[in-house]
Amino acid sequence: MVILGISKDSMTSHFKFAQKLDLNFHLLSDPDKKVHEAFGVIKEKKLYGKISLGTERSTFVMDENRVLIKEYRKVKAKGHAREVLKDLRELSD
């Protein structure tokens, strides 16, 4: 299994974040938002009445042939990893 994280942040920012949290997976940088656009995660967000474009936190599960088998939209960090792990176990049965 391969786990990747992708955001618009710089590689320097990713490196610091990964070190701080002792992550055991790779973080990829997508500053030109090509991957974000391909997965449809650039969305309008509203904060204090102001509308801007931002990233909708999402998780995508693909098989070894890069076929999308599960997606999670509007992800909240708390409990999400547990939910994905449960689903992965069920998918592998």
C-alpha atoms as a PDB file:
ATOM      1  CA  MET A   1       0.000   0.000   0.000  1.00  0.00           C
ATOM      2  CA  VAL A   2       1.231   3.482  -0.865  1.00  0.00           C
ATOM      3  CA  ILE A   3       0.005   6.562   0.971  1.00  0.00           C
ATOM      4  CA  LEU A   4       0.556  10.039  -0.473  1.00  0.00           C
ATOM      5  CA  GLY A   5      -0.510  13.439   0.760  1.00  0.00           C
ATOM      6  CA  ILE A   6      -0.882  16.290  -1.735  1.00  0.00           C
ATOM      7  CA  SER A   7      -1.328  19.996  -1.107  1.00  0.00           C
ATOM      8  CA  LYS A   8      -0.493  23.339  -2.692  1.00  0.00           C
ATOM      9  CA  ASP A   9       2.162  23.965  -0.018  1.00  0.00           C
ATOM     10  CA  SER A  10       5.852  24.072  -0.888  1.00  0.00           C
ATOM     11  CA  MET A  11       8.202  21.123  -0.483  1.00  0.00           C
ATOM     12  CA  THR A  12       9.996  23.047   2.281  1.00  0.00           C
ATOM     13  CA  SER A  13       6.710  23.409   4.152  1.00  0.00           C
ATOM     14  CA  HIS A  14       5.957  19.700   3.628  1.00  0.00           C
ATOM     15  CA  PHE A  15       9.380  18.693   4.921  1.00  0.00           C
ATOM     16  CA  LYS A  16       8.936  20.702   8.124  1.00  0.00           C
ATOM     17  CA  PHE A  17       5.385  19.398   8.612  1.00  0.00           C
ATOM     18  CA  ALA A  18       6.441  15.772   8.071  1.00  0.00           C
ATOM     19  CA  GLN A  19       9.324  16.126  10.520  1.00  0.00           C
ATOM     20  CA  LYS A  20       7.139  17.795  13.143  1.00  0.00           C
ATOM     21  CA  LEU A  21       4.514  15.023  12.980  1.00  0.00           C
ATOM     22  CA  ASP A  22       6.974  12.187  12.230  1.00  0.00           C
ATOM     23  CA  LEU A  23       4.950  11.139   9.177  1.00  0.00           C
ATOM     24  CA  ASN A  24       5.725   7.800   7.556  1.00  0.00           C
ATOM     25  CA  PHE A  25       4.387   8.681   4.096  1.00  0.00           C
ATOM     26  CA  HIS A  26       5.299  11.094   1.316  1.00  0.00           C
ATOM     27  CA  LEU A  27       3.858  14.566   0.857  1.00  0.00           C
ATOM     28  CA  LEU A  28       3.686  15.954  -2.674  1.00  0.00           C
ATOM     29  CA  SER A  29       3.536  19.610  -3.666  1.00  0.00           C
ATOM     30  CA  ASP A  30       0.987  20.785  -6.259  1.00  0.00           C
ATOM     31  CA  PRO A  31       1.549  24.570  -6.414  1.00  0.00           C
ATOM     32  CA  ASP A  32       0.013  24.906  -9.895  1.00  0.00           C
ATOM     33  CA  LYS A  33      -3.100  23.000  -8.670  1.00  0.00           C
ATOM     34  CA  LYS A  34      -3.185  20.549 -11.602  1.00  0.00           C
ATOM     35  CA  VAL A  35      -3.823  17.537  -9.364  1.00  0.00           C
ATOM     36  CA  HIS A  36      -6.314  19.552  -7.284  1.00  0.00           C
ATOM     37  CA  GLU A  37      -8.251  20.433 -10.423  1.00  0.00           C
ATOM     38  CA  ALA A  38      -8.124  16.871 -11.772  1.00  0.00           C
ATOM     39  CA  PHE A  39      -9.748  15.598  -8.571  1.00  0.00           C
ATOM     40  CA  GLY A  40     -12.209  18.484  -8.304  1.00  0.00           C
ATOM     41  CA  VAL A  41     -11.142  19.637  -4.841  1.00  0.00           C
ATOM     42  CA  ILE A  42     -10.884  23.376  -5.546  1.00  0.00           C
ATOM     43  CA  LYS A  43     -14.091  24.786  -4.076  1.00  0.00           C
ATOM     44  CA  GLU A  44     -15.571  28.111  -3.062  1.00  0.00           C
ATOM     45  CA  LYS A  45     -15.234  28.684   0.658  1.00  0.00           C
ATOM     46  CA  LYS A  46     -16.914  31.304   2.763  1.00  0.00           C
ATOM     47  CA  LEU A  47     -15.230  32.785   5.843  1.00  0.00           C
ATOM     48  CA  TYR A  48     -16.662  35.777   7.661  1.00  0.00           C
ATOM     49  CA  GLY A  49     -18.844  36.523   4.644  1.00  0.00           C
ATOM     50  CA  LYS A  50     -15.889  36.586   2.242  1.00  0.00           C
ATOM     51  CA  ILE A  51     -15.853  34.040  -0.595  1.00  0.00           C
ATOM     52  CA  SER A  52     -12.545  32.609  -1.812  1.00  0.00           C
ATOM     53  CA  LEU A  53     -11.268  29.481  -3.536  1.00  0.00           C
ATOM     54  CA  GLY A  54      -9.687  26.820  -1.375  1.00  0.00           C
ATOM     55  CA  THR A  55      -9.032  23.127  -1.129  1.00  0.00           C
ATOM     56  CA  GLU A  56     -11.778  20.810   0.054  1.00  0.00           C
ATOM     57  CA  ARG A  57      -9.966  18.276   2.236  1.00  0.00           C
ATOM     58  CA  SER A  58     -10.534  14.905   0.576  1.00  0.00           C
ATOM     59  CA  THR A  59      -9.202  11.358   0.564  1.00  0.00           C
ATOM     60  CA  PHE A  60      -9.096   9.100  -2.484  1.00  0.00           C
ATOM     61  CA  VAL A  61      -8.417   5.363  -2.403  1.00  0.00           C
ATOM     62  CA  MET A  62      -7.158   3.738  -5.591  1.00  0.00           C
ATOM     63  CA  ASP A  63      -6.246   0.196  -6.420  1.00  0.00           C
ATOM     64  CA  GLU A  64      -2.899  -0.930  -7.843  1.00  0.00           C
ATOM     65  CA  ASN A  65      -4.135  -0.020 -11.343  1.00  0.00           C
ATOM     66  CA  ARG A  66      -4.941   3.557 -10.228  1.00  0.00           C
ATOM     67  CA  VAL A  67      -8.679   2.919 -10.430  1.00  0.00           C
ATOM     68  CA  LEU A  68     -10.644   4.996  -7.932  1.00  0.00           C
ATOM     69  CA  ILE A  69     -12.429   2.645  -5.548  1.00  0.00           C
ATOM     70  CA  LYS A  70     -13.479   5.001  -2.729  1.00  0.00           C
ATOM     71  CA  GLU A  71     -13.550   8.729  -2.104  1.00  0.00           C
ATOM     72  CA  TYR A  72     -14.211  10.850   0.942  1.00  0.00           C
ATOM     73  CA  ARG A  73     -15.197  14.508   0.525  1.00  0.00           C
ATOM     74  CA  LYS A  74     -15.353  17.334   3.079  1.00  0.00           C
ATOM     75  CA  VAL A  75     -13.113  15.345   5.410  1.00  0.00           C
ATOM     76  CA  LYS A  76     -12.769  16.310   9.059  1.00  0.00           C
ATOM     77  CA  ALA A  77      -9.426  15.217  10.499  1.00  0.00           C
ATOM     78  CA  LYS A  78     -10.779  13.790  13.756  1.00  0.00           C
ATOM     79  CA  GLY A  79     -11.552  10.092  13.308  1.00  0.00           C
ATOM     80  CA  HIS A  80     -10.979  10.100   9.550  1.00  0.00           C
ATOM     81  CA  ALA A  81      -7.893   7.873   9.543  1.00  0.00           C
ATOM     82  CA  ARG A  82      -9.779   5.318  11.629  1.00  0.00           C
ATOM     83  CA  GLU A  83     -12.700   5.388   9.172  1.00  0.00           C
ATOM     84  CA  VAL A  84     -10.418   4.900   6.155  1.00  0.00           C
ATOM     85  CA  LEU A  85      -8.524   2.064   7.839  1.00  0.00           C
ATOM     86  CA  LYS A  86     -11.815   0.305   8.665  1.00  0.00           C
ATOM     87  CA  ASP A  87     -12.991   0.673   5.062  1.00  0.00           C
ATOM     88  CA  LEU A  88      -9.657  -0.567   3.674  1.00  0.00           C
ATOM     89  CA  ARG A  89      -9.882  -3.664   5.842  1.00  0.00           C
ATOM     90  CA  GLU A  90     -13.427  -4.316   4.589  1.00  0.00           C
ATOM     91  CA  LEU A  91     -12.360  -3.779   0.956  1.00  0.00           C
ATOM     92  CA  SER A  92      -9.501  -6.258   1.316  1.00  0.00           C
ATOM     93  CA  ASP A  93     -11.740  -9.038   2.721  1.00  0.00           C
END
